Every structure is written in structure tokens, then in C-alpha cells.
Protein backbone atom coordinates (compact mmCIF):
# COMPACT_ATOMS: atom_id res chain seq x y z
CA MET A 1 65.91 127.92 67.62
CA PRO A 2 63.43 127.14 70.40
CA ILE A 3 59.74 127.51 69.58
CA PRO A 4 57.57 128.94 72.39
CA ILE A 5 54.09 127.37 72.37
CA ASP A 6 51.55 128.18 75.10
CA GLY A 7 54.25 128.86 77.65
CA ALA A 8 56.28 125.73 76.83
CA VAL A 9 59.56 125.77 74.96
CA CYS A 10 59.80 123.18 72.20
CA TYR A 11 62.61 122.08 69.89
CA THR A 12 62.61 120.53 66.43
CA ALA A 13 63.73 116.96 65.77
CA ASN A 14 66.90 118.26 64.07
CA GLU A 15 67.75 120.43 67.09
CA VAL A 16 67.22 117.49 69.46
CA ALA A 17 69.40 115.13 67.40
CA ASP A 18 72.15 117.73 66.99
CA GLY A 19 72.04 118.69 70.66
CA LEU A 20 72.37 115.08 71.79
CA GLY A 21 75.05 114.21 69.24
CA ILE A 22 73.05 111.52 67.45
CA SER A 23 72.34 111.25 63.75
CA ARG A 24 68.94 112.19 62.38
CA GLN A 25 68.62 108.66 60.98
CA THR A 26 69.23 107.08 64.39
CA PHE A 27 66.79 109.47 66.04
CA TRP A 28 64.16 108.72 63.36
CA ARG A 29 64.64 104.95 63.86
CA TRP A 30 64.30 105.24 67.65
CA ARG A 31 61.07 107.21 67.18
CA LYS A 32 59.74 104.71 64.62
CA GLU A 33 60.49 101.82 67.00
CA ARG A 34 58.84 103.78 69.87
CA LYS A 35 62.01 103.63 71.98
CA VAL A 36 61.79 107.39 72.57
CA PRO A 37 58.91 109.90 72.44
CA ILE A 38 57.73 110.48 68.88
CA GLY A 39 57.03 114.19 69.36
CA ARG A 40 54.15 116.26 68.07
CA LYS A 41 53.37 117.84 64.71
CA TYR A 42 53.60 121.61 64.63
CA ARG A 43 51.85 123.39 61.77
CA ASP A 44 51.76 120.12 59.80
CA ARG A 45 55.45 120.20 58.99
CA LEU A 46 57.73 120.11 62.03
CA ARG A 47 58.16 117.47 64.70
CA ILE A 48 58.65 119.23 68.01
CA PHE A 49 59.69 118.02 71.47
CA THR A 50 59.28 119.42 74.97
CA GLN A 51 62.05 119.56 77.58
CA THR A 52 60.54 116.52 79.34
CA GLU A 53 60.59 114.51 76.11
CA ILE A 54 64.16 115.60 75.40
CA GLN A 55 65.20 114.38 78.85
CA GLU A 56 63.66 110.95 78.11
CA ILE A 57 65.52 110.84 74.79
CA ARG A 58 68.79 111.86 76.50
CA GLU A 59 68.39 109.07 79.08
CA TYR A 60 67.80 106.52 76.33
CA ALA A 61 70.74 107.81 74.27
CA ASN A 62 73.11 107.63 77.25
CA ARG A 63 72.02 104.25 78.63
CA VAL A 64 74.64 101.60 79.43
CA GLU A 65 73.79 97.94 78.97
CA PRO A 66 75.94 94.81 79.20
CA ILE A 67 76.86 93.30 75.85
CA ASP A 68 76.42 89.81 77.23
CA PRO A 69 73.47 89.55 79.65
CA GLU A 70 75.05 86.43 81.17
CA ALA A 71 78.22 88.33 82.16
CA ARG A 72 76.95 90.02 85.31
CA ASP A 73 80.45 91.28 86.21
CA GLN A 74 80.60 93.36 83.07
CA LEU A 75 78.96 96.46 84.58
CA LYS A 76 81.32 96.69 87.57
CA LEU A 77 83.36 99.18 85.60
CA PHE A 78 80.41 101.58 85.54
CA ASN A 79 79.11 101.24 89.09
CA GLY A 80 82.49 101.52 90.83
CA THR A 81 82.57 97.96 92.21
CA PRO A 82 85.99 96.27 92.07
């Protein structure tokens, strides 16, 4: 359930992970490795995230990268090039 704080709507780490379809363990690891925003503590117990932070996490979660960096033709499938 969203938490309104000073006019901003924030979500817990569990809500973010569930909403993006990623496991809590994966989300925790990404935060630990600083690949995504780490959030803020709310009342010393919850990690919360703003909509902007959630968008950054969504972009990271949905990124597409080539498996082999040397195979430049590999991403043609995703960018519509024959």
C-alpha cells in the first residue's frame, strides 16, 4: 500500500519487487551492488522508494544486453534491423 510522505508517494521494497516481477533476493542484491537506487529508511524499519527511483529500477530490470560483446549482430533482433 503506497505511503504518502510530504506530498510524495512511496512504496516499500517488497511492493517494488512484487510490482516489477523480481525476487526480493535479486532486488536486495542489486541494491547491495549499487546497480539500482538503495532507497531510504522510513521509521527505522522500512525501505521506501519514490516513483522516480522505481522507474530507474524498472529500466535496469528490463535492460537488454548482448551475451557476447563481440557479437555485434546479436541485438538486431531487438532494434528491428534485418
